[in-house]
Amino acid sequence: MGDVDFDPKTGCITHLIVPGPGCLCGIFGREKEFVIPFCDVKQIGEDIILVEIRKLKDIERACPCG
């Protein structure tokens, strides 16, 4: 499950926030999440979202909880 960021003035989606891999079999949550600019989304399907990724480090950020 993921989340979205949006511009409150326009109501437009600006980023998709996708959870990264879990730690210790997912018991203790996730260490990272991926923040993907919505302009990089190329196609949204029933089971998949295709995005263009320039560099992983550009979209990866640490979870604020730890």
PDB file of N, CA and C in Angstrom:
ATOM      1  N   MET A   1       0.843  -1.162   0.000  1.00  0.00           N
ATOM      2  CA  MET A   1       0.000   0.000   0.000  1.00  0.00           C
ATOM      3  C   MET A   1       0.890   1.226   0.000  1.00  0.00           C
ATOM      4  N   GLY A   2       0.512   2.263  -0.678  1.00  0.00           N
ATOM      5  CA  GLY A   2       1.304   3.466  -0.792  1.00  0.00           C
ATOM      6  C   GLY A   2       0.493   4.700  -0.444  1.00  0.00           C
ATOM      7  N   ASP A   3       1.046   5.825  -0.786  1.00  0.00           N
ATOM      8  CA  ASP A   3       0.411   7.099  -0.492  1.00  0.00           C
ATOM      9  C   ASP A   3       0.721   8.049  -1.640  1.00  0.00           C
ATOM     10  N   VAL A   4       0.123   9.222  -1.610  1.00  0.00           N
ATOM     11  CA  VAL A   4       0.396  10.249  -2.612  1.00  0.00           C
ATOM     12  C   VAL A   4       0.623  11.581  -1.918  1.00  0.00           C
ATOM     13  N   ASP A   5       1.434  12.418  -2.539  1.00  0.00           N
ATOM     14  CA  ASP A   5       1.558  13.822  -2.154  1.00  0.00           C
ATOM     15  C   ASP A   5       0.798  14.612  -3.203  1.00  0.00           C
ATOM     16  N   PHE A   6       0.183  15.696  -2.792  1.00  0.00           N
ATOM     17  CA  PHE A   6      -0.502  16.531  -3.759  1.00  0.00           C
ATOM     18  C   PHE A   6      -0.313  17.991  -3.410  1.00  0.00           C
ATOM     19  N   ASP A   7      -0.516  18.836  -4.414  1.00  0.00           N
ATOM     20  CA  ASP A   7      -0.438  20.280  -4.240  1.00  0.00           C
ATOM     21  C   ASP A   7      -1.786  20.746  -3.709  1.00  0.00           C
ATOM     22  N   PRO A   8      -1.842  21.276  -2.496  1.00  0.00           N
ATOM     23  CA  PRO A   8      -3.135  21.668  -1.927  1.00  0.00           C
ATOM     24  C   PRO A   8      -3.807  22.816  -2.677  1.00  0.00           C
ATOM     25  N   LYS A   9      -3.029  23.605  -3.397  1.00  0.00           N
ATOM     26  CA  LYS A   9      -3.619  24.719  -4.148  1.00  0.00           C
ATOM     27  C   LYS A   9      -4.342  24.243  -5.394  1.00  0.00           C
ATOM     28  N   THR A  10      -3.747  23.264  -6.092  1.00  0.00           N
ATOM     29  CA  THR A  10      -4.326  22.799  -7.353  1.00  0.00           C
ATOM     30  C   THR A  10      -5.076  21.484  -7.212  1.00  0.00           C
ATOM     31  N   GLY A  11      -4.751  20.716  -6.165  1.00  0.00           N
ATOM     32  CA  GLY A  11      -5.352  19.397  -6.001  1.00  0.00           C
ATOM     33  C   GLY A  11      -4.706  18.341  -6.877  1.00  0.00           C
ATOM     34  N   CYS A  12      -3.621  18.696  -7.574  1.00  0.00           N
ATOM     35  CA  CYS A  12      -2.936  17.753  -8.462  1.00  0.00           C
ATOM     36  C   CYS A  12      -1.952  16.891  -7.679  1.00  0.00           C
ATOM     37  N   ILE A  13      -1.850  15.634  -8.075  1.00  0.00           N
ATOM     38  CA  ILE A  13      -0.887  14.718  -7.469  1.00  0.00           C
ATOM     39  C   ILE A  13       0.515  15.141  -7.900  1.00  0.00           C
ATOM     40  N   THR A  14       1.450  15.220  -6.942  1.00  0.00           N
ATOM     41  CA  THR A  14       2.828  15.582  -7.263  1.00  0.00           C
ATOM     42  C   THR A  14       3.782  14.396  -7.146  1.00  0.00           C
ATOM     43  N   HIS A  15       3.535  13.466  -6.213  1.00  0.00           N
ATOM     44  CA  HIS A  15       4.431  12.328  -5.992  1.00  0.00           C
ATOM     45  C   HIS A  15       3.641  11.097  -5.556  1.00  0.00           C
ATOM     46  N   LEU A  16       4.134   9.925  -5.933  1.00  0.00           N
ATOM     47  CA  LEU A  16       3.666   8.662  -5.371  1.00  0.00           C
ATOM     48  C   LEU A  16       4.683   8.247  -4.319  1.00  0.00           C
ATOM     49  N   ILE A  17       4.218   7.752  -3.187  1.00  0.00           N
ATOM     50  CA  ILE A  17       5.096   7.283  -2.124  1.00  0.00           C
ATOM     51  C   ILE A  17       4.850   5.789  -1.965  1.00  0.00           C
ATOM     52  N   VAL A  18       5.891   5.008  -2.257  1.00  0.00           N
ATOM     53  CA  VAL A  18       5.780   3.553  -2.296  1.00  0.00           C
ATOM     54  C   VAL A  18       6.685   2.961  -1.228  1.00  0.00           C
ATOM     55  N   PRO A  19       6.162   2.051  -0.401  1.00  0.00           N
ATOM     56  CA  PRO A  19       7.027   1.433   0.617  1.00  0.00           C
ATOM     57  C   PRO A  19       8.128   0.608  -0.002  1.00  0.00           C
ATOM     58  N   GLY A  20       9.293   0.650   0.620  1.00  0.00           N
ATOM     59  CA  GLY A  20      10.432  -0.144   0.175  1.00  0.00           C
ATOM     60  C   GLY A  20      10.382  -1.525   0.800  1.00  0.00           C
ATOM     61  N   PRO A  21      11.468  -2.262   0.699  1.00  0.00           N
ATOM     62  CA  PRO A  21      11.508  -3.607   1.269  1.00  0.00           C
ATOM     63  C   PRO A  21      11.387  -3.568   2.790  1.00  0.00           C
ATOM     64  N   GLY A  22      10.747  -4.580   3.349  1.00  0.00           N
ATOM     65  CA  GLY A  22      10.587  -4.677   4.798  1.00  0.00           C
ATOM     66  C   GLY A  22      11.867  -5.131   5.468  1.00  0.00           C
ATOM     67  N   CYS A  23      11.917  -4.944   6.767  1.00  0.00           N
ATOM     68  CA  CYS A  23      13.072  -5.415   7.520  1.00  0.00           C
ATOM     69  C   CYS A  23      12.613  -6.499   8.487  1.00  0.00           C
ATOM     70  N   LEU A  24      13.429  -7.502   8.671  1.00  0.00           N
ATOM     71  CA  LEU A  24      13.124  -8.655   9.527  1.00  0.00           C
ATOM     72  C   LEU A  24      11.748  -9.236   9.214  1.00  0.00           C
ATOM     73  N   CYS A  25      11.592  -9.618   7.968  1.00  0.00           N
ATOM     74  CA  CYS A  25      10.355 -10.253   7.491  1.00  0.00           C
ATOM     75  C   CYS A  25       9.131  -9.345   7.645  1.00  0.00           C
ATOM     76  N   GLY A  26       9.343  -8.046   7.659  1.00  0.00           N
ATOM     77  CA  GLY A  26       8.229  -7.111   7.741  1.00  0.00           C
ATOM     78  C   GLY A  26       7.661  -6.923   9.130  1.00  0.00           C
ATOM     79  N   ILE A  27       8.238  -7.577  10.125  1.00  0.00           N
ATOM     80  CA  ILE A  27       7.694  -7.502  11.481  1.00  0.00           C
ATOM     81  C   ILE A  27       7.805  -6.096  12.053  1.00  0.00           C
ATOM     82  N   PHE A  28       8.949  -5.456  11.835  1.00  0.00           N
ATOM     83  CA  PHE A  28       9.199  -4.152  12.428  1.00  0.00           C
ATOM     84  C   PHE A  28       9.006  -3.001  11.450  1.00  0.00           C
ATOM     85  N   GLY A  29       8.214  -3.206  10.428  1.00  0.00           N
ATOM     86  CA  GLY A  29       7.947  -2.142   9.478  1.00  0.00           C
ATOM     87  C   GLY A  29       8.981  -2.084   8.366  1.00  0.00           C
ATOM     88  N   ARG A  30       9.119  -0.900   7.802  1.00  0.00           N
ATOM     89  CA  ARG A  30       9.997  -0.709   6.654  1.00  0.00           C
ATOM     90  C   ARG A  30      11.026   0.364   6.957  1.00  0.00           C
ATOM     91  N   GLU A  31      12.218   0.181   6.396  1.00  0.00           N
ATOM     92  CA  GLU A  31      13.288   1.147   6.623  1.00  0.00           C
ATOM     93  C   GLU A  31      13.227   2.315   5.655  1.00  0.00           C
ATOM     94  N   LYS A  32      12.793   2.086   4.421  1.00  0.00           N
ATOM     95  CA  LYS A  32      12.824   3.108   3.383  1.00  0.00           C
ATOM     96  C   LYS A  32      11.496   3.186   2.670  1.00  0.00           C
ATOM     97  N   GLU A  33      11.307   4.302   2.017  1.00  0.00           N
ATOM     98  CA  GLU A  33      10.192   4.437   1.096  1.00  0.00           C
ATOM     99  C   GLU A  33      10.730   5.132  -0.145  1.00  0.00           C
ATOM    100  N   PHE A  34      10.032   4.955  -1.250  1.00  0.00           N
ATOM    101  CA  PHE A  34      10.442   5.547  -2.510  1.00  0.00           C
ATOM    102  C   PHE A  34       9.446   6.640  -2.864  1.00  0.00           C
ATOM    103  N   VAL A  35       9.955   7.824  -3.151  1.00  0.00           N
ATOM    104  CA  VAL A  35       9.128   8.967  -3.518  1.00  0.00           C
ATOM    105  C   VAL A  35       9.328   9.192  -5.010  1.00  0.00           C
ATOM    106  N   ILE A  36       8.280   8.958  -5.779  1.00  0.00           N
ATOM    107  CA  ILE A  36       8.366   8.997  -7.235  1.00  0.00           C
ATOM    108  C   ILE A  36       7.593  10.205  -7.750  1.00  0.00           C
ATOM    109  N   PRO A  37       8.266  11.121  -8.453  1.00  0.00           N
ATOM    110  CA  PRO A  37       7.545  12.264  -9.034  1.00  0.00           C
ATOM    111  C   PRO A  37       6.445  11.767  -9.970  1.00  0.00           C
ATOM    112  N   PHE A  38       5.270  12.351  -9.854  1.00  0.00           N
ATOM    113  CA  PHE A  38       4.143  11.882 -10.649  1.00  0.00           C
ATOM    114  C   PHE A  38       4.387  12.078 -12.144  1.00  0.00           C
ATOM    115  N   CYS A  39       5.222  13.052 -12.500  1.00  0.00           N
ATOM    116  CA  CYS A  39       5.519  13.252 -13.922  1.00  0.00           C
ATOM    117  C   CYS A  39       6.303  12.080 -14.510  1.00  0.00           C
ATOM    118  N   ASP A  40       6.904  11.231 -13.655  1.00  0.00           N
ATOM    119  CA  ASP A  40       7.635  10.049 -14.129  1.00  0.00           C
ATOM    120  C   ASP A  40       6.736   8.829 -14.306  1.00  0.00           C
ATOM    121  N   VAL A  41       5.474   8.921 -13.918  1.00  0.00           N
ATOM    122  CA  VAL A  41       4.534   7.814 -14.106  1.00  0.00           C
ATOM    123  C   VAL A  41       4.183   7.748 -15.590  1.00  0.00           C
ATOM    124  N   LYS A  42       4.433   6.605 -16.183  1.00  0.00           N
ATOM    125  CA  LYS A  42       4.186   6.440 -17.621  1.00  0.00           C
ATOM    126  C   LYS A  42       2.867   5.739 -17.921  1.00  0.00           C
ATOM    127  N   GLN A  43       2.463   4.824 -17.054  1.00  0.00           N
ATOM    128  CA  GLN A  43       1.218   4.087 -17.294  1.00  0.00           C
ATOM    129  C   GLN A  43       0.719   3.505 -15.980  1.00  0.00           C
ATOM    130  N   ILE A  44      -0.594   3.575 -15.787  1.00  0.00           N
ATOM    131  CA  ILE A  44      -1.213   2.976 -14.603  1.00  0.00           C
ATOM    132  C   ILE A  44      -2.146   1.877 -15.077  1.00  0.00           C
ATOM    133  N   GLY A  45      -1.890   0.655 -14.604  1.00  0.00           N
ATOM    134  CA  GLY A  45      -2.719  -0.483 -14.970  1.00  0.00           C
ATOM    135  C   GLY A  45      -3.455  -1.016 -13.759  1.00  0.00           C
ATOM    136  N   GLU A  46      -4.166  -2.093 -13.954  1.00  0.00           N
ATOM    137  CA  GLU A  46      -4.963  -2.697 -12.888  1.00  0.00           C
ATOM    138  C   GLU A  46      -4.086  -3.228 -11.751  1.00  0.00           C
ATOM    139  N   ASP A  47      -2.937  -3.818 -12.101  1.00  0.00           N
ATOM    140  CA  ASP A  47      -2.067  -4.444 -11.107  1.00  0.00           C
ATOM    141  C   ASP A  47      -0.669  -3.849 -11.030  1.00  0.00           C
ATOM    142  N   ILE A  48      -0.367  -2.833 -11.835  1.00  0.00           N
ATOM    143  CA  ILE A  48       1.010  -2.336 -11.897  1.00  0.00           C
ATOM    144  C   ILE A  48       1.019  -0.860 -12.294  1.00  0.00           C
ATOM    145  N   ILE A  49       2.033  -0.161 -11.830  1.00  0.00           N
ATOM    146  CA  ILE A  49       2.266   1.218 -12.245  1.00  0.00           C
ATOM    147  C   ILE A  49       3.662   1.264 -12.849  1.00  0.00           C
ATOM    148  N   LEU A  50       3.766   1.710 -14.094  1.00  0.00           N
ATOM    149  CA  LEU A  50       5.058   1.808 -14.767  1.00  0.00           C
ATOM    150  C   LEU A  50       5.590   3.223 -14.607  1.00  0.00           C
ATOM    151  N   VAL A  51       6.838   3.306 -14.159  1.00  0.00           N
ATOM    152  CA  VAL A  51       7.466   4.613 -13.984  1.00  0.00           C
ATOM    153  C   VAL A  51       8.833   4.625 -14.649  1.00  0.00           C
ATOM    154  N   GLU A  52       9.291   5.813 -15.008  1.00  0.00           N
ATOM    155  CA  GLU A  52      10.642   5.996 -15.523  1.00  0.00           C
ATOM    156  C   GLU A  52      11.499   6.428 -14.346  1.00  0.00           C
ATOM    157  N   ILE A  53      12.527   5.645 -14.040  1.00  0.00           N
ATOM    158  CA  ILE A  53      13.394   5.953 -12.910  1.00  0.00           C
ATOM    159  C   ILE A  53      14.746   6.387 -13.444  1.00  0.00           C
ATOM    160  N   ARG A  54      15.138   7.607 -13.106  1.00  0.00           N
ATOM    161  CA  ARG A  54      16.432   8.134 -13.555  1.00  0.00           C
ATOM    162  C   ARG A  54      17.555   7.554 -12.703  1.00  0.00           C
ATOM    163  N   LYS A  55      17.510   7.808 -11.409  1.00  0.00           N
ATOM    164  CA  LYS A  55      18.493   7.271 -10.471  1.00  0.00           C
ATOM    165  C   LYS A  55      17.760   6.917  -9.195  1.00  0.00           C
ATOM    166  N   LEU A  56      18.049   5.756  -8.659  1.00  0.00           N
ATOM    167  CA  LEU A  56      17.375   5.311  -7.447  1.00  0.00           C
ATOM    168  C   LEU A  56      17.611   6.281  -6.297  1.00  0.00           C
ATOM    169  N   LYS A  57      18.808   6.840  -6.193  1.00  0.00           N
ATOM    170  CA  LYS A  57      19.109   7.750  -5.093  1.00  0.00           C
ATOM    171  C   LYS A  57      18.283   9.031  -5.167  1.00  0.00           C
ATOM    172  N   ASP A  58      17.800   9.392  -6.353  1.00  0.00           N
ATOM    173  CA  ASP A  58      16.991  10.595  -6.498  1.00  0.00           C
ATOM    174  C   ASP A  58      15.594  10.431  -5.907  1.00  0.00           C
ATOM    175  N   ILE A  59      15.121   9.188  -5.776  1.00  0.00           N
ATOM    176  CA  ILE A  59      13.753   8.986  -5.314  1.00  0.00           C
ATOM    177  C   ILE A  59      13.668   8.289  -3.970  1.00  0.00           C
ATOM    178  N   GLU A  60      14.796   7.901  -3.414  1.00  0.00           N
ATOM    179  CA  GLU A  60      14.804   7.135  -2.181  1.00  0.00           C
ATOM    180  C   GLU A  60      15.012   8.072  -0.992  1.00  0.00           C
ATOM    181  N   ARG A  61      14.240   7.886   0.055  1.00  0.00           N
ATOM    182  CA  ARG A  61      14.462   8.666   1.256  1.00  0.00           C
ATOM    183  C   ARG A  61      14.166   7.799   2.462  1.00  0.00           C
ATOM    184  N   ALA A  62      14.781   8.128   3.563  1.00  0.00           N
ATOM    185  CA  ALA A  62      14.578   7.351   4.785  1.00  0.00           C
ATOM    186  C   ALA A  62      13.207   7.645   5.368  1.00  0.00           C
ATOM    187  N   CYS A  63      12.640   6.656   6.025  1.00  0.00           N
ATOM    188  CA  CYS A  63      11.364   6.819   6.715  1.00  0.00           C
ATOM    189  C   CYS A  63      11.531   7.847   7.841  1.00  0.00           C
ATOM    190  N   PRO A  64      10.562   8.729   8.043  1.00  0.00           N
ATOM    191  CA  PRO A  64      10.681   9.712   9.099  1.00  0.00           C
ATOM    192  C   PRO A  64      10.644   9.095  10.501  1.00  0.00           C
ATOM    193  N   CYS A  65      10.161   7.864  10.615  1.00  0.00           N
ATOM    194  CA  CYS A  65      10.027   7.248  11.928  1.00  0.00           C
ATOM    195  C   CYS A  65      11.309   6.611  12.424  1.00  0.00           C
ATOM    196  N   GLY A  66      12.338   6.599  11.661  1.00  0.00           N
ATOM    197  CA  GLY A  66      13.537   5.972  12.194  1.00  0.00           C
ATOM    198  C   GLY A  66      14.567   5.817  11.200  1.00  0.00           C
TER     199      GLY A  66
END
